[in-house]
Amino acid sequence: MKIRKSVLADGALLLVTMAWGLNFVVMKNALERITPFMYLAVRFLLAFLILAAIFNENLRKVDKSDIIGGSIIGLFLFLGFATQTVGLVYTTPAKSGFITGSNVVMVPFLAYFVNKKFPGWYQVLGAAVTFVGLGVISLEGGFRINIGDFLTLLCAVFFAMQIVSTEYYSRRGNPINLAIIETGITGMLSLVVGALTEPMPVAIDLSMWIAILYAVICCTAGAFLVQNVAQKYTTSTHAAVIMCLEAVFAALFSFLLWGESVTLKSLVGYMLILAGVMITELTPAYGVKTESFPVDN
């Protein structure tokens, strides 16, 4: 029996989304033995080399607009991953996954500064529901917020800015070259910040290499390739719904593999965030599309 290409494409996107969700747990464990910026430097520089090797023909045609756009997008990507990775040291994989996933509700509002178009009332509703959920899982007694949750919320803002800038510059340059350059910029900035602020690692053991290679192959370079091929054969709505499940997989793997407890309070917060994201993703908007970018985790 022949399997429809759209079913295979959806299955491939689901595997990518599961890989992103699992990576929150993998990163959490890795950060107990490697400093955040050194982890990011090795991960993104390796991903850059892989993408540059695969798309070397494209890279030969790089122009000024690609370099400018890729550098700006790469700066936002670096800031997003920097705050996410450092934040993950102080929060749980599930909370990190859901707070990071809230970036999609911010995109239509940040896009207003680019296209001057009101996002739409469904997007306002989605944002309101999402931020109520964020408050439920993040606010503690006396309306204090955990430093890890705060940094992860900043990461969501930076990832939203990365999505908006990607939308803007991809219309003016080569999307593949933009992805290669932004990955390289993220790796280089991580290396510089790590060298200036963190102790140099004596050695990276086998378990660290496994964690890094998993992130490089399954969550960065590999995810980029799979998503670009898969989205030729499925709809943007299918892709959006599937990618919304990233935070759900992060919570599931955190519960099963990391031993994170799930309280009624956190469960209600997670459901509100997921509902807000789904409202934003699946209803008409006047701003830019809010589909996840393949190096979101």
C-alpha atoms as a PDB file:
ATOM      1  CA  MET A   1       0.000   0.000   0.000  1.00  0.00           C
ATOM      2  CA  LYS A   2       1.368   3.387  -0.969  1.00  0.00           C
ATOM      3  CA  ILE A   3       1.635   5.932   1.817  1.00  0.00           C
ATOM      4  CA  ARG A   4       0.730   9.469   0.827  1.00  0.00           C
ATOM      5  CA  LYS A   5       3.659  11.864   0.772  1.00  0.00           C
ATOM      6  CA  SER A   6       1.753  14.250   3.027  1.00  0.00           C
ATOM      7  CA  VAL A   7       1.474  11.564   5.710  1.00  0.00           C
ATOM      8  CA  LEU A   8       5.197  10.863   5.489  1.00  0.00           C
ATOM      9  CA  ALA A   9       5.899  14.598   5.649  1.00  0.00           C
ATOM     10  CA  ASP A  10       3.726  15.033   8.741  1.00  0.00           C
ATOM     11  CA  GLY A  11       5.453  12.038  10.320  1.00  0.00           C
ATOM     12  CA  ALA A  12       8.866  13.532   9.604  1.00  0.00           C
ATOM     13  CA  LEU A  13       7.847  16.865  11.148  1.00  0.00           C
ATOM     14  CA  LEU A  14       6.498  15.018  14.185  1.00  0.00           C
ATOM     15  CA  LEU A  15       9.857  13.280  14.641  1.00  0.00           C
ATOM     16  CA  VAL A  16      11.636  16.642  14.410  1.00  0.00           C
ATOM     17  CA  THR A  17       9.254  18.113  16.972  1.00  0.00           C
ATOM     18  CA  MET A  18       9.833  15.156  19.305  1.00  0.00           C
ATOM     19  CA  ALA A  19      13.596  15.637  18.892  1.00  0.00           C
ATOM     20  CA  TRP A  20      13.271  19.311  19.858  1.00  0.00           C
ATOM     21  CA  GLY A  21      11.194  18.392  22.894  1.00  0.00           C
ATOM     22  CA  LEU A  22      13.689  15.745  24.015  1.00  0.00           C
ATOM     23  CA  ASN A  23      16.553  18.200  23.601  1.00  0.00           C
ATOM     24  CA  PHE A  24      15.334  20.249  26.588  1.00  0.00           C
ATOM     25  CA  VAL A  25      16.089  17.235  28.791  1.00  0.00           C
ATOM     26  CA  VAL A  26      19.334  16.444  26.957  1.00  0.00           C
ATOM     27  CA  MET A  27      20.497  20.054  27.399  1.00  0.00           C
ATOM     28  CA  LYS A  28      19.476  20.104  31.060  1.00  0.00           C
ATOM     29  CA  ASN A  29      21.664  17.065  31.735  1.00  0.00           C
ATOM     30  CA  ALA A  30      24.520  18.387  29.589  1.00  0.00           C
ATOM     31  CA  LEU A  31      24.608  21.712  31.429  1.00  0.00           C
ATOM     32  CA  GLU A  32      25.500  19.896  34.626  1.00  0.00           C
ATOM     33  CA  ARG A  33      28.898  19.096  33.074  1.00  0.00           C
ATOM     34  CA  ILE A  34      29.585  21.815  30.489  1.00  0.00           C
ATOM     35  CA  THR A  35      29.226  25.589  30.624  1.00  0.00           C
ATOM     36  CA  PRO A  36      26.316  27.102  28.630  1.00  0.00           C
ATOM     37  CA  PHE A  37      28.258  29.169  26.093  1.00  0.00           C
ATOM     38  CA  MET A  38      30.834  26.490  25.375  1.00  0.00           C
ATOM     39  CA  TYR A  39      27.973  24.070  24.731  1.00  0.00           C
ATOM     40  CA  LEU A  40      26.377  26.543  22.312  1.00  0.00           C
ATOM     41  CA  ALA A  41      29.687  27.319  20.606  1.00  0.00           C
ATOM     42  CA  VAL A  42      30.491  23.688  19.830  1.00  0.00           C
ATOM     43  CA  ARG A  43      26.887  22.919  18.827  1.00  0.00           C
ATOM     44  CA  PHE A  44      26.425  25.798  16.418  1.00  0.00           C
ATOM     45  CA  LEU A  45      29.892  25.827  14.904  1.00  0.00           C
ATOM     46  CA  LEU A  46      29.512  22.132  14.060  1.00  0.00           C
ATOM     47  CA  ALA A  47      26.047  22.788  12.624  1.00  0.00           C
ATOM     48  CA  PHE A  48      27.497  25.662  10.579  1.00  0.00           C
ATOM     49  CA  LEU A  49      30.210  23.434   9.111  1.00  0.00           C
ATOM     50  CA  ILE A  50      27.676  20.718   8.221  1.00  0.00           C
ATOM     51  CA  LEU A  51      25.261  23.148   6.555  1.00  0.00           C
ATOM     52  CA  ALA A  52      28.094  24.937   4.736  1.00  0.00           C
ATOM     53  CA  ALA A  53      29.376  21.613   3.392  1.00  0.00           C
ATOM     54  CA  ILE A  54      25.939  20.442   2.241  1.00  0.00           C
ATOM     55  CA  PHE A  55      24.964  23.768   0.651  1.00  0.00           C
ATOM     56  CA  ASN A  56      28.395  24.868  -0.570  1.00  0.00           C
ATOM     57  CA  GLU A  57      27.030  25.682  -4.031  1.00  0.00           C
ATOM     58  CA  ASN A  58      24.510  28.043  -2.477  1.00  0.00           C
ATOM     59  CA  LEU A  59      27.126  29.595  -0.236  1.00  0.00           C
ATOM     60  CA  ARG A  60      29.271  30.498  -3.236  1.00  0.00           C
ATOM     61  CA  LYS A  61      26.505  32.842  -4.351  1.00  0.00           C
ATOM     62  CA  VAL A  62      26.306  34.699  -1.028  1.00  0.00           C
ATOM     63  CA  ASP A  63      25.906  38.459  -1.381  1.00  0.00           C
ATOM     64  CA  LYS A  64      25.872  41.534   0.832  1.00  0.00           C
ATOM     65  CA  SER A  65      22.156  41.272   1.657  1.00  0.00           C
ATOM     66  CA  ASP A  66      22.631  37.668   2.803  1.00  0.00           C
ATOM     67  CA  ILE A  67      25.522  38.669   5.059  1.00  0.00           C
ATOM     68  CA  ILE A  68      23.666  41.609   6.607  1.00  0.00           C
ATOM     69  CA  GLY A  69      20.422  39.685   7.057  1.00  0.00           C
ATOM     70  CA  GLY A  70      22.126  36.546   8.336  1.00  0.00           C
ATOM     71  CA  SER A  71      24.158  38.566  10.845  1.00  0.00           C
ATOM     72  CA  ILE A  72      21.107  40.354  12.253  1.00  0.00           C
ATOM     73  CA  ILE A  73      19.096  37.133  12.452  1.00  0.00           C
ATOM     74  CA  GLY A  74      22.125  35.395  13.964  1.00  0.00           C
ATOM     75  CA  LEU A  75      22.389  38.046  16.690  1.00  0.00           C
ATOM     76  CA  PHE A  76      18.777  37.461  17.726  1.00  0.00           C
ATOM     77  CA  LEU A  77      19.289  33.697  17.520  1.00  0.00           C
ATOM     78  CA  PHE A  78      22.365  33.949  19.746  1.00  0.00           C
ATOM     79  CA  LEU A  79      20.525  36.077  22.312  1.00  0.00           C
ATOM     80  CA  GLY A  80      17.616  33.635  22.243  1.00  0.00           C
ATOM     81  CA  PHE A  81      19.746  30.559  22.789  1.00  0.00           C
ATOM     82  CA  ALA A  82      21.990  32.309  25.314  1.00  0.00           C
ATOM     83  CA  THR A  83      19.082  33.284  27.565  1.00  0.00           C
ATOM     84  CA  GLN A  84      17.355  29.940  27.027  1.00  0.00           C
ATOM     85  CA  THR A  85      20.437  27.862  27.835  1.00  0.00           C
ATOM     86  CA  VAL A  86      21.469  29.875  30.892  1.00  0.00           C
ATOM     87  CA  GLY A  87      17.824  29.961  32.005  1.00  0.00           C
ATOM     88  CA  LEU A  88      17.590  26.179  31.723  1.00  0.00           C
ATOM     89  CA  VAL A  89      20.241  25.904  34.435  1.00  0.00           C
ATOM     90  CA  TYR A  90      17.707  27.427  36.862  1.00  0.00           C
ATOM     91  CA  THR A  91      14.385  26.064  35.626  1.00  0.00           C
ATOM     92  CA  THR A  92      12.920  22.732  34.524  1.00  0.00           C
ATOM     93  CA  PRO A  93      12.850  21.299  30.985  1.00  0.00           C
ATOM     94  CA  ALA A  94       9.032  21.371  30.863  1.00  0.00           C
ATOM     95  CA  LYS A  95       8.767  25.010  31.945  1.00  0.00           C
ATOM     96  CA  SER A  96      11.557  25.957  29.559  1.00  0.00           C
ATOM     97  CA  GLY A  97       9.737  24.230  26.695  1.00  0.00           C
ATOM     98  CA  PHE A  98       6.403  25.924  27.296  1.00  0.00           C
ATOM     99  CA  ILE A  99       7.830  29.389  27.999  1.00  0.00           C
ATOM    100  CA  THR A 100      10.030  29.174  24.891  1.00  0.00           C
ATOM    101  CA  GLY A 101       7.007  28.093  22.853  1.00  0.00           C
ATOM    102  CA  SER A 102       5.195  31.307  23.779  1.00  0.00           C
ATOM    103  CA  ASN A 103       7.387  33.140  21.245  1.00  0.00           C
ATOM    104  CA  VAL A 104       4.838  32.522  18.498  1.00  0.00           C
ATOM    105  CA  VAL A 105       2.197  34.679  20.200  1.00  0.00           C
ATOM    106  CA  MET A 106       4.673  37.571  20.338  1.00  0.00           C
ATOM    107  CA  VAL A 107       5.518  37.463  16.632  1.00  0.00           C
ATOM    108  CA  PRO A 108       2.397  39.243  15.239  1.00  0.00           C
ATOM    109  CA  PHE A 109       2.886  42.124  17.690  1.00  0.00           C
ATOM    110  CA  LEU A 110       6.591  42.536  16.962  1.00  0.00           C
ATOM    111  CA  ALA A 111       5.780  42.285  13.246  1.00  0.00           C
ATOM    112  CA  TYR A 112       3.639  45.411  13.629  1.00  0.00           C
ATOM    113  CA  PHE A 113       6.856  47.466  13.765  1.00  0.00           C
ATOM    114  CA  VAL A 114       7.767  46.061  10.333  1.00  0.00           C
ATOM    115  CA  ASN A 115       4.471  45.966   8.431  1.00  0.00           C
ATOM    116  CA  LYS A 116       2.343  48.400  10.511  1.00  0.00           C
ATOM    117  CA  LYS A 117      -0.597  45.972  10.377  1.00  0.00           C
ATOM    118  CA  PHE A 118      -2.756  45.182  13.389  1.00  0.00           C
ATOM    119  CA  PRO A 119      -2.253  41.470  14.212  1.00  0.00           C
ATOM    120  CA  GLY A 120      -5.930  40.636  14.678  1.00  0.00           C
ATOM    121  CA  TRP A 121      -8.215  40.068  17.660  1.00  0.00           C
ATOM    122  CA  TYR A 122      -7.626  36.305  17.684  1.00  0.00           C
ATOM    123  CA  GLN A 123      -3.919  37.021  18.133  1.00  0.00           C
ATOM    124  CA  VAL A 124      -4.752  39.378  21.009  1.00  0.00           C
ATOM    125  CA  LEU A 125      -6.841  36.613  22.586  1.00  0.00           C
ATOM    126  CA  GLY A 126      -4.086  34.049  22.023  1.00  0.00           C
ATOM    127  CA  ALA A 127      -1.518  36.351  23.638  1.00  0.00           C
ATOM    128  CA  ALA A 128      -3.792  37.015  26.633  1.00  0.00           C
ATOM    129  CA  VAL A 129      -4.431  33.298  27.233  1.00  0.00           C
ATOM    130  CA  THR A 130      -0.730  32.501  26.837  1.00  0.00           C
ATOM    131  CA  PHE A 131       0.430  35.151  29.289  1.00  0.00           C
ATOM    132  CA  VAL A 132      -2.109  34.043  31.864  1.00  0.00           C
ATOM    133  CA  GLY A 133      -0.602  30.564  31.507  1.00  0.00           C
ATOM    134  CA  LEU A 134       2.911  31.987  31.850  1.00  0.00           C
ATOM    135  CA  GLY A 135       1.846  33.719  35.043  1.00  0.00           C
ATOM    136  CA  VAL A 136       0.372  30.522  36.438  1.00  0.00           C
ATOM    137  CA  ILE A 137       3.564  28.480  35.948  1.00  0.00           C
ATOM    138  CA  SER A 138       6.127  31.224  36.664  1.00  0.00           C
ATOM    139  CA  LEU A 139       4.837  33.548  39.380  1.00  0.00           C
ATOM    140  CA  GLU A 140       5.645  32.485  42.912  1.00  0.00           C
ATOM    141  CA  GLY A 141       4.606  33.913  46.284  1.00  0.00           C
ATOM    142  CA  GLY A 142       4.667  37.712  46.338  1.00  0.00           C
ATOM    143  CA  PHE A 143       4.555  37.771  42.538  1.00  0.00           C
ATOM    144  CA  ARG A 144       8.242  36.814  42.325  1.00  0.00           C
ATOM    145  CA  ILE A 145       9.514  35.100  39.198  1.00  0.00           C
ATOM    146  CA  ASN A 146      12.269  32.487  39.120  1.00  0.00           C
ATOM    147  CA  ILE A 147      15.412  33.820  37.404  1.00  0.00           C
ATOM    148  CA  GLY A 148      15.410  30.823  35.064  1.00  0.00           C
ATOM    149  CA  ASP A 149      11.813  31.498  34.009  1.00  0.00           C
ATOM    150  CA  PHE A 150      12.590  35.200  33.509  1.00  0.00           C
ATOM    151  CA  LEU A 151      15.592  34.449  31.288  1.00  0.00           C
ATOM    152  CA  THR A 152      13.523  31.926  29.315  1.00  0.00           C
ATOM    153  CA  LEU A 153      10.815  34.554  28.806  1.00  0.00           C
ATOM    154  CA  LEU A 154      13.501  36.868  27.422  1.00  0.00           C
ATOM    155  CA  CYS A 155      14.577  34.015  25.153  1.00  0.00           C
ATOM    156  CA  ALA A 156      11.017  33.798  23.790  1.00  0.00           C
ATOM    157  CA  VAL A 157      11.140  37.522  22.957  1.00  0.00           C
ATOM    158  CA  PHE A 158      14.478  37.124  21.149  1.00  0.00           C
ATOM    159  CA  PHE A 159      13.240  34.064  19.230  1.00  0.00           C
ATOM    160  CA  ALA A 160      10.157  36.053  18.181  1.00  0.00           C
ATOM    161  CA  MET A 161      12.450  38.823  16.925  1.00  0.00           C
ATOM    162  CA  GLN A 162      14.463  36.185  15.068  1.00  0.00           C
ATOM    163  CA  ILE A 163      11.305  34.897  13.356  1.00  0.00           C
ATOM    164  CA  VAL A 164      10.229  38.410  12.330  1.00  0.00           C
ATOM    165  CA  SER A 165      13.684  39.284  11.012  1.00  0.00           C
ATOM    166  CA  THR A 166      13.839  35.960   9.155  1.00  0.00           C
ATOM    167  CA  GLU A 167      10.514  36.755   7.475  1.00  0.00           C
ATOM    168  CA  TYR A 168      11.821  40.188   6.503  1.00  0.00           C
ATOM    169  CA  TYR A 169      15.250  39.204   5.189  1.00  0.00           C
ATOM    170  CA  SER A 170      14.239  35.929   3.517  1.00  0.00           C
ATOM    171  CA  ARG A 171      12.213  38.002   1.038  1.00  0.00           C
ATOM    172  CA  ARG A 172      15.353  39.951   0.158  1.00  0.00           C
ATOM    173  CA  GLY A 173      18.007  37.236   0.211  1.00  0.00           C
ATOM    174  CA  ASN A 174      18.676  33.516  -0.063  1.00  0.00           C
ATOM    175  CA  PRO A 175      16.949  31.629   2.822  1.00  0.00           C
ATOM    176  CA  ILE A 176      19.540  28.838   2.882  1.00  0.00           C
ATOM    177  CA  ASN A 177      22.469  31.250   3.011  1.00  0.00           C
ATOM    178  CA  LEU A 178      20.698  33.185   5.765  1.00  0.00           C
ATOM    179  CA  ALA A 179      20.363  29.987   7.804  1.00  0.00           C
ATOM    180  CA  ILE A 180      24.034  29.084   7.305  1.00  0.00           C
ATOM    181  CA  ILE A 181      25.259  32.559   8.243  1.00  0.00           C
ATOM    182  CA  GLU A 182      23.014  32.909  11.293  1.00  0.00           C
ATOM    183  CA  THR A 183      24.169  29.517  12.557  1.00  0.00           C
ATOM    184  CA  GLY A 184      27.804  30.570  12.160  1.00  0.00           C
ATOM    185  CA  ILE A 185      27.200  33.931  13.854  1.00  0.00           C
ATOM    186  CA  THR A 186      25.526  32.185  16.794  1.00  0.00           C
ATOM    187  CA  GLY A 187      28.458  29.807  17.139  1.00  0.00           C
ATOM    188  CA  MET A 188      31.103  32.545  16.944  1.00  0.00           C
ATOM    189  CA  LEU A 189      29.343  34.844  19.435  1.00  0.00           C
ATOM    190  CA  SER A 190      28.916  31.921  21.825  1.00  0.00           C
ATOM    191  CA  LEU A 191      32.611  31.091  21.508  1.00  0.00           C
ATOM    192  CA  VAL A 192      33.661  34.699  22.209  1.00  0.00           C
ATOM    193  CA  VAL A 193      31.341  35.122  25.211  1.00  0.00           C
ATOM    194  CA  GLY A 194      32.303  31.699  26.549  1.00  0.00           C
ATOM    195  CA  ALA A 195      36.030  32.448  26.230  1.00  0.00           C
ATOM    196  CA  LEU A 196      35.594  35.766  28.070  1.00  0.00           C
ATOM    197  CA  THR A 197      33.247  34.675  30.850  1.00  0.00           C
ATOM    198  CA  GLU A 198      33.599  30.935  31.393  1.00  0.00           C
ATOM    199  CA  PRO A 199      36.476  28.656  32.423  1.00  0.00           C
ATOM    200  CA  MET A 200      37.901  26.754  29.486  1.00  0.00           C
ATOM    201  CA  PRO A 201      36.811  23.108  29.572  1.00  0.00           C
ATOM    202  CA  VAL A 202      39.619  20.668  30.240  1.00  0.00           C
ATOM    203  CA  ALA A 203      37.972  18.062  28.034  1.00  0.00           C
ATOM    204  CA  ILE A 204      34.581  17.158  26.582  1.00  0.00           C
ATOM    205  CA  ASP A 205      33.764  13.574  27.522  1.00  0.00           C
ATOM    206  CA  LEU A 206      31.829  11.054  25.440  1.00  0.00           C
ATOM    207  CA  SER A 207      28.460  11.839  27.029  1.00  0.00           C
ATOM    208  CA  MET A 208      28.950  15.519  26.216  1.00  0.00           C
ATOM    209  CA  TRP A 209      29.788  14.728  22.593  1.00  0.00           C
ATOM    210  CA  ILE A 210      26.658  12.582  22.359  1.00  0.00           C
ATOM    211  CA  ALA A 211      24.521  15.452  23.702  1.00  0.00           C
ATOM    212  CA  ILE A 212      26.153  17.962  21.359  1.00  0.00           C
ATOM    213  CA  LEU A 213      25.964  15.739  18.280  1.00  0.00           C
ATOM    214  CA  TYR A 214      22.324  14.964  19.058  1.00  0.00           C
ATOM    215  CA  ALA A 215      21.577  18.699  19.125  1.00  0.00           C
ATOM    216  CA  VAL A 216      23.608  19.330  15.957  1.00  0.00           C
ATOM    217  CA  ILE A 217      22.229  16.472  13.858  1.00  0.00           C
ATOM    218  CA  CYS A 218      18.685  16.021  15.150  1.00  0.00           C
ATOM    219  CA  CYS A 219      17.789  19.546  16.289  1.00  0.00           C
ATOM    220  CA  THR A 220      19.769  21.929  14.106  1.00  0.00           C
ATOM    221  CA  ALA A 221      21.263  20.861  10.755  1.00  0.00           C
ATOM    222  CA  GLY A 222      19.123  17.721  10.408  1.00  0.00           C
ATOM    223  CA  ALA A 223      15.951  19.483  11.504  1.00  0.00           C
ATOM    224  CA  PHE A 224      16.581  22.243   8.972  1.00  0.00           C
ATOM    225  CA  LEU A 225      16.900  19.762   6.123  1.00  0.00           C
ATOM    226  CA  VAL A 226      13.912  17.619   7.176  1.00  0.00           C
ATOM    227  CA  GLN A 227      11.627  20.603   7.682  1.00  0.00           C
ATOM    228  CA  ASN A 228      12.460  22.176   4.342  1.00  0.00           C
ATOM    229  CA  VAL A 229      11.784  18.926   2.469  1.00  0.00           C
ATOM    230  CA  ALA A 230       8.726  17.931   4.496  1.00  0.00           C
ATOM    231  CA  GLN A 231       6.972  21.279   4.108  1.00  0.00           C
ATOM    232  CA  LYS A 232       6.931  20.800   0.347  1.00  0.00           C
ATOM    233  CA  TYR A 233       4.414  17.990   0.830  1.00  0.00           C
ATOM    234  CA  THR A 234       2.234  19.174   3.702  1.00  0.00           C
ATOM    235  CA  THR A 235       0.286  22.305   4.585  1.00  0.00           C
ATOM    236  CA  SER A 236       1.462  25.152   6.784  1.00  0.00           C
ATOM    237  CA  THR A 237      -1.488  24.449   9.096  1.00  0.00           C
ATOM    238  CA  HIS A 238      -0.365  20.850   9.578  1.00  0.00           C
ATOM    239  CA  ALA A 239       3.194  22.035  10.256  1.00  0.00           C
ATOM    240  CA  ALA A 240       2.015  24.663  12.748  1.00  0.00           C
ATOM    241  CA  VAL A 241      -0.119  22.197  14.715  1.00  0.00           C
ATOM    242  CA  ILE A 242       2.653  19.584  14.817  1.00  0.00           C
ATOM    243  CA  MET A 243       5.283  22.096  15.905  1.00  0.00           C
ATOM    244  CA  CYS A 244       3.016  23.359  18.683  1.00  0.00           C
ATOM    245  CA  LEU A 245       3.542  19.949  20.282  1.00  0.00           C
ATOM    246  CA  GLU A 246       7.221  20.687  20.965  1.00  0.00           C
ATOM    247  CA  ALA A 247       6.476  21.944  24.479  1.00  0.00           C
ATOM    248  CA  VAL A 248       4.203  18.960  25.144  1.00  0.00           C
ATOM    249  CA  PHE A 249       7.026  16.579  24.233  1.00  0.00           C
ATOM    250  CA  ALA A 250       9.426  18.604  26.403  1.00  0.00           C
ATOM    251  CA  ALA A 251       7.095  18.145  29.372  1.00  0.00           C
ATOM    252  CA  LEU A 252       6.526  14.454  28.621  1.00  0.00           C
ATOM    253  CA  PHE A 253      10.228  13.647  28.328  1.00  0.00           C
ATOM    254  CA  SER A 254      10.993  15.762  31.388  1.00  0.00           C
ATOM    255  CA  PHE A 255       8.448  13.733  33.385  1.00  0.00           C
ATOM    256  CA  LEU A 256       9.639  10.360  32.056  1.00  0.00           C
ATOM    257  CA  LEU A 257      13.415  10.877  31.868  1.00  0.00           C
ATOM    258  CA  TRP A 258      14.269  13.735  34.224  1.00  0.00           C
ATOM    259  CA  GLY A 259      11.757  12.971  36.954  1.00  0.00           C
ATOM    260  CA  GLU A 260      10.031  16.371  36.900  1.00  0.00           C
ATOM    261  CA  SER A 261       6.858  16.389  38.984  1.00  0.00           C
ATOM    262  CA  VAL A 262       3.643  17.687  37.439  1.00  0.00           C
ATOM    263  CA  THR A 263       1.336  19.648  39.728  1.00  0.00           C
ATOM    264  CA  LEU A 264      -2.230  20.757  39.007  1.00  0.00           C
ATOM    265  CA  LYS A 265      -1.010  24.379  38.930  1.00  0.00           C
ATOM    266  CA  SER A 266       1.676  23.662  36.341  1.00  0.00           C
ATOM    267  CA  LEU A 267      -0.673  21.482  34.282  1.00  0.00           C
ATOM    268  CA  VAL A 268      -3.264  24.288  34.114  1.00  0.00           C
ATOM    269  CA  GLY A 269      -0.519  26.743  33.095  1.00  0.00           C
ATOM    270  CA  TYR A 270       0.792  24.422  30.387  1.00  0.00           C
ATOM    271  CA  MET A 271      -2.708  23.905  28.977  1.00  0.00           C
ATOM    272  CA  LEU A 272      -3.346  27.672  28.884  1.00  0.00           C
ATOM    273  CA  ILE A 273      -0.035  28.331  27.080  1.00  0.00           C
ATOM    274  CA  LEU A 274      -0.720  25.581  24.552  1.00  0.00           C
ATOM    275  CA  ALA A 275      -4.257  26.903  23.986  1.00  0.00           C
ATOM    276  CA  GLY A 276      -2.942  30.436  23.439  1.00  0.00           C
ATOM    277  CA  VAL A 277      -0.311  29.225  20.982  1.00  0.00           C
ATOM    278  CA  MET A 278      -2.874  27.159  19.066  1.00  0.00           C
ATOM    279  CA  ILE A 279      -5.251  30.136  18.858  1.00  0.00           C
ATOM    280  CA  THR A 280      -2.428  32.268  17.466  1.00  0.00           C
ATOM    281  CA  GLU A 281      -1.180  29.641  15.004  1.00  0.00           C
ATOM    282  CA  LEU A 282      -4.514  28.428  13.630  1.00  0.00           C
ATOM    283  CA  THR A 283      -6.528  31.633  13.220  1.00  0.00           C
ATOM    284  CA  PRO A 284      -6.167  34.243  10.470  1.00  0.00           C
ATOM    285  CA  ALA A 285      -3.693  37.038  11.151  1.00  0.00           C
ATOM    286  CA  TYR A 286      -2.697  40.166   9.318  1.00  0.00           C
ATOM    287  CA  GLY A 287       0.958  39.965  10.374  1.00  0.00           C
ATOM    288  CA  VAL A 288       3.712  37.550   9.470  1.00  0.00           C
ATOM    289  CA  LYS A 289       3.340  33.799   9.689  1.00  0.00           C
ATOM    290  CA  THR A 290       4.360  32.411  13.053  1.00  0.00           C
ATOM    291  CA  GLU A 291       5.569  28.949  12.114  1.00  0.00           C
ATOM    292  CA  SER A 292       8.533  27.740  14.111  1.00  0.00           C
ATOM    293  CA  PHE A 293      11.970  28.101  12.629  1.00  0.00           C
ATOM    294  CA  PRO A 294      14.009  24.920  12.473  1.00  0.00           C
ATOM    295  CA  VAL A 295      16.713  26.001  14.876  1.00  0.00           C
ATOM    296  CA  ASP A 296      14.239  27.114  17.601  1.00  0.00           C
ATOM    297  CA  ASN A 297      15.664  24.577  20.170  1.00  0.00           C
END
